[in-house]
Amino acid sequence: MPELPEVETTRRGIEPHVLGQCISKAVVYDPRLRWPVRDDLPQWLANRRIEAVERRSKYLLLRFENDERLLIHLGMSGSLRLVAPSTPKKKHDHVEITFENGNTLRYHDPRRFGALLTDHTALPHARLQGLGPEPLMADFSADYLSAQLRGRKTPIKPLLMNAAIVVGVGNIYANEAGFLAHIHPLRPANSLSPAEVARLVAVIKDVLTRAIEQGGTTLRDFVREDGQPGYFKQTLAVYDRGGAPCPHCGTPIVRCVQAQRATYFCPVCQPI
């Protein structure tokens, strides 16, 4: 599943090509996404100019001059590609937006778990309400996370994936952050010391920053906006490496399941 770095990579990739551009045409080939695409989306988009290309959590936000927005979620297997209008349509291309400069933005999603939604900045869509801070912003701090963990006996790893606590720390990066911070994923959240919380916050910021710089994580269904895969998976320490030696101590990486998601850790470097 595309996570925050993949979405941010896509945002940065498409921004220079669509920012300030006016939409000349939009086509919905298949509205059957996670939530049906509104029937009048082509008419709603027509002649609108993109004033900003933003991201909130895992949503891409195309903001128009009247502060209305198109929200794009990539779901499990979605991607955006910039193509020439004459490029043949692929089987799972569901929506395309063509701009006055000739660029066409296509939404491709084999599993159709993504979404294209609309809202207004002043009246955010329900999917954007109740979200925690962005992990790379200053308000996601050790003091903030300590306050959120206080009194919580929930294991730390699934709590980090709770978007009401902090957005965008998906399964891959929660695994990596726990390893790099030397914190066992089954530790009760309220058992972390202030020093451990501070270390965890710093590691989360670092691992996400590095992933963005390297183009996101190479997942089977994810490609960058230019059609090339990301490269961060080449440097993953524990995720999807069950049974492989720990890169620090050589102990086999353990795999377990938490909240229906795969968890990976080193039992020596991350003592319980």
C-alpha atoms as a PDB file:
ATOM      1  CA  MET A   1       0.000   0.000   0.000  1.00  0.00           C
ATOM      2  CA  PRO A   2       1.373   3.455  -0.825  1.00  0.00           C
ATOM      3  CA  GLU A   3       2.306   5.150   2.436  1.00  0.00           C
ATOM      4  CA  LEU A   4       3.086   8.767   3.291  1.00  0.00           C
ATOM      5  CA  PRO A   5       6.475   8.871   1.501  1.00  0.00           C
ATOM      6  CA  GLU A   6       4.968   7.446  -1.685  1.00  0.00           C
ATOM      7  CA  VAL A   7       2.174  10.015  -1.612  1.00  0.00           C
ATOM      8  CA  GLU A   8       4.599  12.854  -0.894  1.00  0.00           C
ATOM      9  CA  THR A   9       6.865  11.626  -3.702  1.00  0.00           C
ATOM     10  CA  THR A  10       3.893  11.700  -6.070  1.00  0.00           C
ATOM     11  CA  ARG A  11       2.857  15.169  -4.862  1.00  0.00           C
ATOM     12  CA  ARG A  12       6.327  16.558  -5.501  1.00  0.00           C
ATOM     13  CA  GLY A  13       6.471  14.822  -8.858  1.00  0.00           C
ATOM     14  CA  ILE A  14       3.231  16.162 -10.292  1.00  0.00           C
ATOM     15  CA  GLU A  15       3.324  19.646  -8.739  1.00  0.00           C
ATOM     16  CA  PRO A  16       5.611  21.323 -11.323  1.00  0.00           C
ATOM     17  CA  HIS A  17       3.430  20.010 -14.153  1.00  0.00           C
ATOM     18  CA  VAL A  18      -0.036  20.920 -12.858  1.00  0.00           C
ATOM     19  CA  LEU A  19       0.393  23.900 -10.519  1.00  0.00           C
ATOM     20  CA  GLY A  20      -1.252  26.975 -12.026  1.00  0.00           C
ATOM     21  CA  GLN A  21      -2.701  24.943 -14.879  1.00  0.00           C
ATOM     22  CA  CYS A  22      -6.344  25.113 -15.950  1.00  0.00           C
ATOM     23  CA  ILE A  23      -8.240  21.873 -16.504  1.00  0.00           C
ATOM     24  CA  SER A  24      -9.574  21.604 -20.045  1.00  0.00           C
ATOM     25  CA  LYS A  25     -11.251  18.213 -19.742  1.00  0.00           C
ATOM     26  CA  ALA A  26     -11.826  15.333 -17.347  1.00  0.00           C
ATOM     27  CA  VAL A  27     -13.028  11.819 -18.103  1.00  0.00           C
ATOM     28  CA  VAL A  28     -14.256   9.159 -15.687  1.00  0.00           C
ATOM     29  CA  TYR A  29     -13.827   5.736 -17.288  1.00  0.00           C
ATOM     30  CA  ASP A  30     -14.913   3.756 -14.233  1.00  0.00           C
ATOM     31  CA  PRO A  31     -16.473   5.409 -11.152  1.00  0.00           C
ATOM     32  CA  ARG A  32     -16.375   2.220  -9.072  1.00  0.00           C
ATOM     33  CA  LEU A  33     -13.651   3.086  -6.572  1.00  0.00           C
ATOM     34  CA  ARG A  34     -13.767   2.632  -2.797  1.00  0.00           C
ATOM     35  CA  TRP A  35     -16.406   5.335  -2.785  1.00  0.00           C
ATOM     36  CA  PRO A  36     -18.126   5.981  -6.139  1.00  0.00           C
ATOM     37  CA  VAL A  37     -16.778   8.952  -8.073  1.00  0.00           C
ATOM     38  CA  ARG A  38     -19.418  11.686  -8.183  1.00  0.00           C
ATOM     39  CA  ASP A  39     -21.451  11.577 -11.395  1.00  0.00           C
ATOM     40  CA  ASP A  40     -20.718  15.169 -12.358  1.00  0.00           C
ATOM     41  CA  LEU A  41     -16.975  15.161 -11.648  1.00  0.00           C
ATOM     42  CA  PRO A  42     -15.994  16.079 -15.234  1.00  0.00           C
ATOM     43  CA  GLN A  43     -18.294  19.098 -15.114  1.00  0.00           C
ATOM     44  CA  TRP A  44     -17.160  19.983 -11.585  1.00  0.00           C
ATOM     45  CA  LEU A  45     -13.504  19.999 -12.662  1.00  0.00           C
ATOM     46  CA  ALA A  46     -13.904  21.755 -16.006  1.00  0.00           C
ATOM     47  CA  ASN A  47     -12.090  25.117 -16.320  1.00  0.00           C
ATOM     48  CA  ARG A  48     -10.771  25.052 -12.765  1.00  0.00           C
ATOM     49  CA  ARG A  49      -7.220  26.252 -12.137  1.00  0.00           C
ATOM     50  CA  ILE A  50      -4.987  24.433  -9.646  1.00  0.00           C
ATOM     51  CA  GLU A  51      -3.716  26.858  -7.016  1.00  0.00           C
ATOM     52  CA  ALA A  52      -1.889  24.339  -4.826  1.00  0.00           C
ATOM     53  CA  VAL A  53      -0.852  20.680  -4.751  1.00  0.00           C
ATOM     54  CA  GLU A  54      -0.959  19.624  -1.108  1.00  0.00           C
ATOM     55  CA  ARG A  55      -0.935  16.505   1.051  1.00  0.00           C
ATOM     56  CA  ARG A  56      -2.769  15.685   4.262  1.00  0.00           C
ATOM     57  CA  SER A  57      -1.936  12.279   5.681  1.00  0.00           C
ATOM     58  CA  LYS A  58      -2.133   9.938   2.675  1.00  0.00           C
ATOM     59  CA  TYR A  59      -4.456  12.193   0.676  1.00  0.00           C
ATOM     60  CA  LEU A  60      -3.285  14.307  -2.231  1.00  0.00           C
ATOM     61  CA  LEU A  61      -5.189  17.586  -2.378  1.00  0.00           C
ATOM     62  CA  LEU A  62      -5.572  19.558  -5.599  1.00  0.00           C
ATOM     63  CA  ARG A  63      -6.791  22.961  -4.400  1.00  0.00           C
ATOM     64  CA  PHE A  64      -8.564  25.357  -6.740  1.00  0.00           C
ATOM     65  CA  GLU A  65      -8.909  29.142  -6.675  1.00  0.00           C
ATOM     66  CA  ASN A  66     -12.185  29.072  -4.737  1.00  0.00           C
ATOM     67  CA  ASP A  67     -10.656  26.800  -2.047  1.00  0.00           C
ATOM     68  CA  GLU A  68     -12.585  23.783  -3.276  1.00  0.00           C
ATOM     69  CA  ARG A  69     -10.426  20.679  -3.505  1.00  0.00           C
ATOM     70  CA  LEU A  70     -10.125  17.320  -5.187  1.00  0.00           C
ATOM     71  CA  LEU A  71      -8.952  14.685  -2.710  1.00  0.00           C
ATOM     72  CA  ILE A  72      -7.094  11.715  -4.175  1.00  0.00           C
ATOM     73  CA  HIS A  73      -6.341   8.609  -2.134  1.00  0.00           C
ATOM     74  CA  LEU A  74      -4.215   5.910  -3.759  1.00  0.00           C
ATOM     75  CA  GLY A  75      -5.724   3.055  -1.752  1.00  0.00           C
ATOM     76  CA  MET A  76      -3.914  -0.283  -1.983  1.00  0.00           C
ATOM     77  CA  SER A  77      -2.631  -0.112  -5.540  1.00  0.00           C
ATOM     78  CA  GLY A  78      -3.368   3.321  -6.977  1.00  0.00           C
ATOM     79  CA  SER A  79      -0.924   5.580  -8.782  1.00  0.00           C
ATOM     80  CA  LEU A  80      -0.930   8.823 -10.726  1.00  0.00           C
ATOM     81  CA  ARG A  81       0.924   9.191 -14.006  1.00  0.00           C
ATOM     82  CA  LEU A  82       1.532  12.202 -16.203  1.00  0.00           C
ATOM     83  CA  VAL A  83       1.161  11.159 -19.831  1.00  0.00           C
ATOM     84  CA  ALA A  84       0.618  12.695 -23.242  1.00  0.00           C
ATOM     85  CA  PRO A  85      -3.100  12.800 -24.177  1.00  0.00           C
ATOM     86  CA  SER A  86      -2.426  10.368 -27.038  1.00  0.00           C
ATOM     87  CA  THR A  87      -1.023   7.696 -24.690  1.00  0.00           C
ATOM     88  CA  PRO A  88      -3.177   4.546 -24.967  1.00  0.00           C
ATOM     89  CA  LYS A  89      -5.444   4.001 -21.994  1.00  0.00           C
ATOM     90  CA  LYS A  90      -4.495   1.089 -19.742  1.00  0.00           C
ATOM     91  CA  LYS A  91      -6.986  -1.452 -18.431  1.00  0.00           C
ATOM     92  CA  HIS A  92      -7.165  -0.015 -14.918  1.00  0.00           C
ATOM     93  CA  ASP A  93      -7.021   3.695 -15.783  1.00  0.00           C
ATOM     94  CA  HIS A  94     -10.196   4.985 -14.127  1.00  0.00           C
ATOM     95  CA  VAL A  95      -9.982   8.785 -14.296  1.00  0.00           C
ATOM     96  CA  GLU A  96      -7.972  11.224 -16.391  1.00  0.00           C
ATOM     97  CA  ILE A  97      -7.610  14.992 -16.123  1.00  0.00           C
ATOM     98  CA  THR A  98      -6.229  16.958 -19.068  1.00  0.00           C
ATOM     99  CA  PHE A  99      -4.735  20.426 -18.678  1.00  0.00           C
ATOM    100  CA  GLU A 100      -4.432  23.337 -21.062  1.00  0.00           C
ATOM    101  CA  ASN A 101      -0.674  22.723 -21.350  1.00  0.00           C
ATOM    102  CA  GLY A 102      -1.380  19.292 -22.859  1.00  0.00           C
ATOM    103  CA  ASN A 103      -0.428  17.189 -19.852  1.00  0.00           C
ATOM    104  CA  THR A 104      -2.834  14.469 -18.814  1.00  0.00           C
ATOM    105  CA  LEU A 105      -2.957  13.120 -15.262  1.00  0.00           C
ATOM    106  CA  ARG A 106      -4.250   9.551 -15.089  1.00  0.00           C
ATOM    107  CA  TYR A 107      -5.429   7.710 -12.001  1.00  0.00           C
ATOM    108  CA  HIS A 108      -4.609   4.002 -12.264  1.00  0.00           C
ATOM    109  CA  ASP A 109      -5.882   1.507  -9.673  1.00  0.00           C
ATOM    110  CA  PRO A 110      -6.157  -2.251 -10.317  1.00  0.00           C
ATOM    111  CA  ARG A 111      -7.819  -3.013  -6.976  1.00  0.00           C
ATOM    112  CA  ARG A 112     -10.052   0.082  -6.953  1.00  0.00           C
ATOM    113  CA  PHE A 113      -9.563   0.725  -3.213  1.00  0.00           C
ATOM    114  CA  GLY A 114      -8.596   4.346  -3.832  1.00  0.00           C
ATOM    115  CA  ALA A 115     -10.864   7.371  -3.992  1.00  0.00           C
ATOM    116  CA  LEU A 116     -11.454  10.736  -5.659  1.00  0.00           C
ATOM    117  CA  LEU A 117     -13.503  12.983  -3.392  1.00  0.00           C
ATOM    118  CA  THR A 118     -14.352  16.680  -3.302  1.00  0.00           C
ATOM    119  CA  ASP A 119     -14.578  19.194  -0.474  1.00  0.00           C
ATOM    120  CA  HIS A 120     -13.949  22.805   0.538  1.00  0.00           C
ATOM    121  CA  THR A 121     -11.017  23.979   2.660  1.00  0.00           C
ATOM    122  CA  ALA A 122     -13.401  25.568   5.156  1.00  0.00           C
ATOM    123  CA  LEU A 123     -15.522  22.410   5.325  1.00  0.00           C
ATOM    124  CA  PRO A 124     -13.062  19.505   5.190  1.00  0.00           C
ATOM    125  CA  HIS A 125     -14.305  16.118   4.072  1.00  0.00           C
ATOM    126  CA  ALA A 126     -15.134  13.684   6.862  1.00  0.00           C
ATOM    127  CA  ARG A 127     -12.078  11.611   5.876  1.00  0.00           C
ATOM    128  CA  LEU A 128      -9.835  14.545   6.856  1.00  0.00           C
ATOM    129  CA  GLN A 129     -11.447  15.226  10.218  1.00  0.00           C
ATOM    130  CA  GLY A 130     -10.066  13.949  13.510  1.00  0.00           C
ATOM    131  CA  LEU A 131      -6.570  13.423  12.146  1.00  0.00           C
ATOM    132  CA  GLY A 132      -3.455  13.792  14.277  1.00  0.00           C
ATOM    133  CA  PRO A 133      -0.464  15.950  13.383  1.00  0.00           C
ATOM    134  CA  GLU A 134       1.804  15.380  10.406  1.00  0.00           C
ATOM    135  CA  PRO A 135       4.858  13.398  11.570  1.00  0.00           C
ATOM    136  CA  LEU A 136       7.358  15.740   9.896  1.00  0.00           C
ATOM    137  CA  MET A 137       5.879  18.901  11.408  1.00  0.00           C
ATOM    138  CA  ALA A 138       6.995  20.538  14.643  1.00  0.00           C
ATOM    139  CA  ASP A 139       3.733  19.760  16.463  1.00  0.00           C
ATOM    140  CA  PHE A 140       4.619  16.055  16.366  1.00  0.00           C
ATOM    141  CA  SER A 141       7.077  16.311  19.239  1.00  0.00           C
ATOM    142  CA  ALA A 142       8.259  14.205  22.159  1.00  0.00           C
ATOM    143  CA  ASP A 143       6.049  16.233  24.511  1.00  0.00           C
ATOM    144  CA  TYR A 144       3.029  15.680  22.284  1.00  0.00           C
ATOM    145  CA  LEU A 145       3.591  11.934  21.904  1.00  0.00           C
ATOM    146  CA  SER A 146       4.284  11.490  25.628  1.00  0.00           C
ATOM    147  CA  ALA A 147       0.929  13.100  26.387  1.00  0.00           C
ATOM    148  CA  GLN A 148      -0.800  10.766  23.908  1.00  0.00           C
ATOM    149  CA  LEU A 149       0.831   7.652  25.366  1.00  0.00           C
ATOM    150  CA  ARG A 150       0.076   8.502  28.973  1.00  0.00           C
ATOM    151  CA  GLY A 151      -2.288   5.920  30.466  1.00  0.00           C
ATOM    152  CA  ARG A 152      -2.465   3.829  27.291  1.00  0.00           C
ATOM    153  CA  LYS A 153      -1.659   0.137  27.617  1.00  0.00           C
ATOM    154  CA  THR A 154      -2.038  -0.451  23.868  1.00  0.00           C
ATOM    155  CA  PRO A 155       1.114  -1.905  22.276  1.00  0.00           C
ATOM    156  CA  ILE A 156       3.189   0.911  20.869  1.00  0.00           C
ATOM    157  CA  LYS A 157       3.401  -0.249  17.252  1.00  0.00           C
ATOM    158  CA  PRO A 158      -0.353  -0.279  16.370  1.00  0.00           C
ATOM    159  CA  LEU A 159      -0.764   2.950  18.310  1.00  0.00           C
ATOM    160  CA  LEU A 160       1.751   4.632  16.014  1.00  0.00           C
ATOM    161  CA  MET A 161      -0.434   3.572  13.091  1.00  0.00           C
ATOM    162  CA  ASN A 162      -3.489   5.277  14.624  1.00  0.00           C
ATOM    163  CA  ALA A 163      -4.158   8.335  12.426  1.00  0.00           C
ATOM    164  CA  ALA A 164      -5.828  10.095  15.351  1.00  0.00           C
ATOM    165  CA  ILE A 165      -2.432  10.055  17.120  1.00  0.00           C
ATOM    166  CA  VAL A 166      -0.174  10.813  14.137  1.00  0.00           C
ATOM    167  CA  VAL A 167      -0.901  10.505  10.431  1.00  0.00           C
ATOM    168  CA  GLY A 168       1.070   8.639   7.835  1.00  0.00           C
ATOM    169  CA  VAL A 169       3.122   6.227   9.961  1.00  0.00           C
ATOM    170  CA  GLY A 170       1.985   3.123   8.132  1.00  0.00           C
ATOM    171  CA  ASN A 171       2.962  -0.468   8.766  1.00  0.00           C
ATOM    172  CA  ILE A 172       6.310  -0.414   6.978  1.00  0.00           C
ATOM    173  CA  TYR A 173       7.602   2.682   8.727  1.00  0.00           C
ATOM    174  CA  ALA A 174       6.184   1.751  12.142  1.00  0.00           C
ATOM    175  CA  ASN A 175       8.215  -1.477  11.936  1.00  0.00           C
ATOM    176  CA  GLU A 176      11.362   0.347  10.856  1.00  0.00           C
ATOM    177  CA  ALA A 177      11.002   3.094  13.467  1.00  0.00           C
ATOM    178  CA  GLY A 178      10.571   0.579  16.291  1.00  0.00           C
ATOM    179  CA  PHE A 179      13.730  -1.241  15.251  1.00  0.00           C
ATOM    180  CA  LEU A 180      15.826   1.895  14.866  1.00  0.00           C
ATOM    181  CA  ALA A 181      14.590   3.228  18.216  1.00  0.00           C
ATOM    182  CA  HIS A 182      15.275  -0.178  19.911  1.00  0.00           C
ATOM    183  CA  ILE A 183      11.667  -0.421  21.113  1.00  0.00           C
ATOM    184  CA  HIS A 184       9.813  -3.743  21.095  1.00  0.00           C
ATOM    185  CA  PRO A 185       6.514  -3.491  19.157  1.00  0.00           C
ATOM    186  CA  LEU A 186       4.587  -5.266  21.939  1.00  0.00           C
ATOM    187  CA  ARG A 187       5.663  -2.807  24.646  1.00  0.00           C
ATOM    188  CA  PRO A 188       2.682  -1.090  26.304  1.00  0.00           C
ATOM    189  CA  ALA A 189       2.664   2.513  25.114  1.00  0.00           C
ATOM    190  CA  ASN A 190       2.645   3.896  28.644  1.00  0.00           C
ATOM    191  CA  SER A 191       5.796   1.934  29.542  1.00  0.00           C
ATOM    192  CA  LEU A 192       8.066   4.053  27.332  1.00  0.00           C
ATOM    193  CA  SER A 193      10.399   6.409  29.176  1.00  0.00           C
ATOM    194  CA  PRO A 194      10.683  10.082  28.146  1.00  0.00           C
ATOM    195  CA  ALA A 195      14.038   9.299  26.561  1.00  0.00           C
ATOM    196  CA  GLU A 196      12.541   6.435  24.546  1.00  0.00           C
ATOM    197  CA  VAL A 197       9.660   8.608  23.360  1.00  0.00           C
ATOM    198  CA  ALA A 198      12.067  11.336  22.275  1.00  0.00           C
ATOM    199  CA  ARG A 199      14.181   8.771  20.429  1.00  0.00           C
ATOM    200  CA  LEU A 200      11.113   7.292  18.744  1.00  0.00           C
ATOM    201  CA  VAL A 201       9.887  10.692  17.517  1.00  0.00           C
ATOM    202  CA  ALA A 202      13.330  11.523  16.137  1.00  0.00           C
ATOM    203  CA  VAL A 203      13.574   8.156  14.371  1.00  0.00           C
ATOM    204  CA  ILE A 204      10.097   8.452  12.827  1.00  0.00           C
ATOM    205  CA  LYS A 205      10.991  11.842  11.377  1.00  0.00           C
ATOM    206  CA  ASP A 206      14.301  10.523  10.087  1.00  0.00           C
ATOM    207  CA  VAL A 207      12.992   7.314   8.507  1.00  0.00           C
ATOM    208  CA  LEU A 208      10.157   9.128   6.728  1.00  0.00           C
ATOM    209  CA  THR A 209      12.472  11.902   5.531  1.00  0.00           C
ATOM    210  CA  ARG A 210      14.923   9.373   4.121  1.00  0.00           C
ATOM    211  CA  ALA A 211      12.111   7.445   2.448  1.00  0.00           C
ATOM    212  CA  ILE A 212      10.858  10.596   0.740  1.00  0.00           C
ATOM    213  CA  GLU A 213      14.364  11.488  -0.406  1.00  0.00           C
ATOM    214  CA  GLN A 214      14.795   7.998  -1.872  1.00  0.00           C
ATOM    215  CA  GLY A 215      11.451   7.966  -3.636  1.00  0.00           C
ATOM    216  CA  GLY A 216       9.269   5.912  -1.320  1.00  0.00           C
ATOM    217  CA  THR A 217       9.208   2.170  -0.751  1.00  0.00           C
ATOM    218  CA  THR A 218       9.347  -0.296  -3.617  1.00  0.00           C
ATOM    219  CA  LEU A 219       6.029  -2.143  -3.377  1.00  0.00           C
ATOM    220  CA  ARG A 220       4.699  -4.449  -6.069  1.00  0.00           C
ATOM    221  CA  ASP A 221       1.871  -2.101  -7.042  1.00  0.00           C
ATOM    222  CA  PHE A 222       3.533   1.251  -6.454  1.00  0.00           C
ATOM    223  CA  VAL A 223       5.400   3.300  -9.018  1.00  0.00           C
ATOM    224  CA  ARG A 224       6.442   6.911  -8.986  1.00  0.00           C
ATOM    225  CA  GLU A 225       4.624   9.413 -11.157  1.00  0.00           C
ATOM    226  CA  ASP A 226       7.272   8.860 -13.862  1.00  0.00           C
ATOM    227  CA  GLY A 227       6.590   5.112 -13.904  1.00  0.00           C
ATOM    228  CA  GLN A 228       9.783   4.185 -12.034  1.00  0.00           C
ATOM    229  CA  PRO A 229       9.726   2.386  -8.664  1.00  0.00           C
ATOM    230  CA  GLY A 230      10.888   3.915  -5.419  1.00  0.00           C
ATOM    231  CA  TYR A 231      14.095   2.667  -3.846  1.00  0.00           C
ATOM    232  CA  PHE A 232      13.688   2.834  -0.088  1.00  0.00           C
ATOM    233  CA  LYS A 233      12.943  -0.868   0.327  1.00  0.00           C
ATOM    234  CA  GLN A 234      16.565  -1.625  -0.461  1.00  0.00           C
ATOM    235  CA  THR A 235      17.491  -0.128   2.917  1.00  0.00           C
ATOM    236  CA  LEU A 236      14.717  -1.618   5.073  1.00  0.00           C
ATOM    237  CA  ALA A 237      16.143  -3.250   8.195  1.00  0.00           C
ATOM    238  CA  VAL A 238      13.316  -5.501   9.407  1.00  0.00           C
ATOM    239  CA  TYR A 239      10.114  -5.118   7.382  1.00  0.00           C
ATOM    240  CA  ASP A 240       9.280  -8.242   5.361  1.00  0.00           C
ATOM    241  CA  ARG A 241      12.534  -9.874   6.534  1.00  0.00           C
ATOM    242  CA  GLY A 242      11.167 -12.554   8.855  1.00  0.00           C
ATOM    243  CA  GLY A 243      13.853 -15.164   9.542  1.00  0.00           C
ATOM    244  CA  ALA A 244      16.620 -13.090   7.970  1.00  0.00           C
ATOM    245  CA  PRO A 245      19.554 -11.994  10.147  1.00  0.00           C
ATOM    246  CA  CYS A 246      19.274  -8.717  11.991  1.00  0.00           C
ATOM    247  CA  PRO A 247      21.580  -6.184  10.276  1.00  0.00           C
ATOM    248  CA  HIS A 248      22.955  -5.182  13.698  1.00  0.00           C
ATOM    249  CA  CYS A 249      23.393  -8.409  15.671  1.00  0.00           C
ATOM    250  CA  GLY A 250      22.639 -11.271  13.292  1.00  0.00           C
ATOM    251  CA  THR A 251      19.716 -12.669  15.313  1.00  0.00           C
ATOM    252  CA  PRO A 252      16.873 -13.911  13.090  1.00  0.00           C
ATOM    253  CA  ILE A 253      14.141 -11.304  12.620  1.00  0.00           C
ATOM    254  CA  VAL A 254      10.853 -12.399  14.213  1.00  0.00           C
ATOM    255  CA  ARG A 255       7.505 -12.024  12.466  1.00  0.00           C
ATOM    256  CA  CYS A 256       4.212 -11.836  14.324  1.00  0.00           C
ATOM    257  CA  VAL A 257       0.771 -10.352  13.704  1.00  0.00           C
ATOM    258  CA  GLN A 258      -0.598  -7.313  15.528  1.00  0.00           C
ATOM    259  CA  ALA A 259      -4.032  -5.871  14.798  1.00  0.00           C
ATOM    260  CA  GLN A 260      -4.130  -8.013  11.623  1.00  0.00           C
ATOM    261  CA  ARG A 261      -0.885  -6.474  10.330  1.00  0.00           C
ATOM    262  CA  ALA A 262       2.520  -8.126  10.021  1.00  0.00           C
ATOM    263  CA  THR A 263       5.065  -7.004  12.598  1.00  0.00           C
ATOM    264  CA  TYR A 264       8.815  -7.575  12.340  1.00  0.00           C
ATOM    265  CA  PHE A 265      11.410  -7.073  15.071  1.00  0.00           C
ATOM    266  CA  CYS A 266      14.736  -8.217  16.442  1.00  0.00           C
ATOM    267  CA  PRO A 267      14.275  -9.844  19.871  1.00  0.00           C
ATOM    268  CA  VAL A 268      17.809  -8.846  20.899  1.00  0.00           C
ATOM    269  CA  CYS A 269      17.970  -5.237  19.641  1.00  0.00           C
ATOM    270  CA  GLN A 270      14.361  -4.623  20.719  1.00  0.00           C
ATOM    271  CA  PRO A 271      14.053  -6.260  24.132  1.00  0.00           C
ATOM    272  CA  ILE A 272      10.598  -6.545  25.651  1.00  0.00           C
END
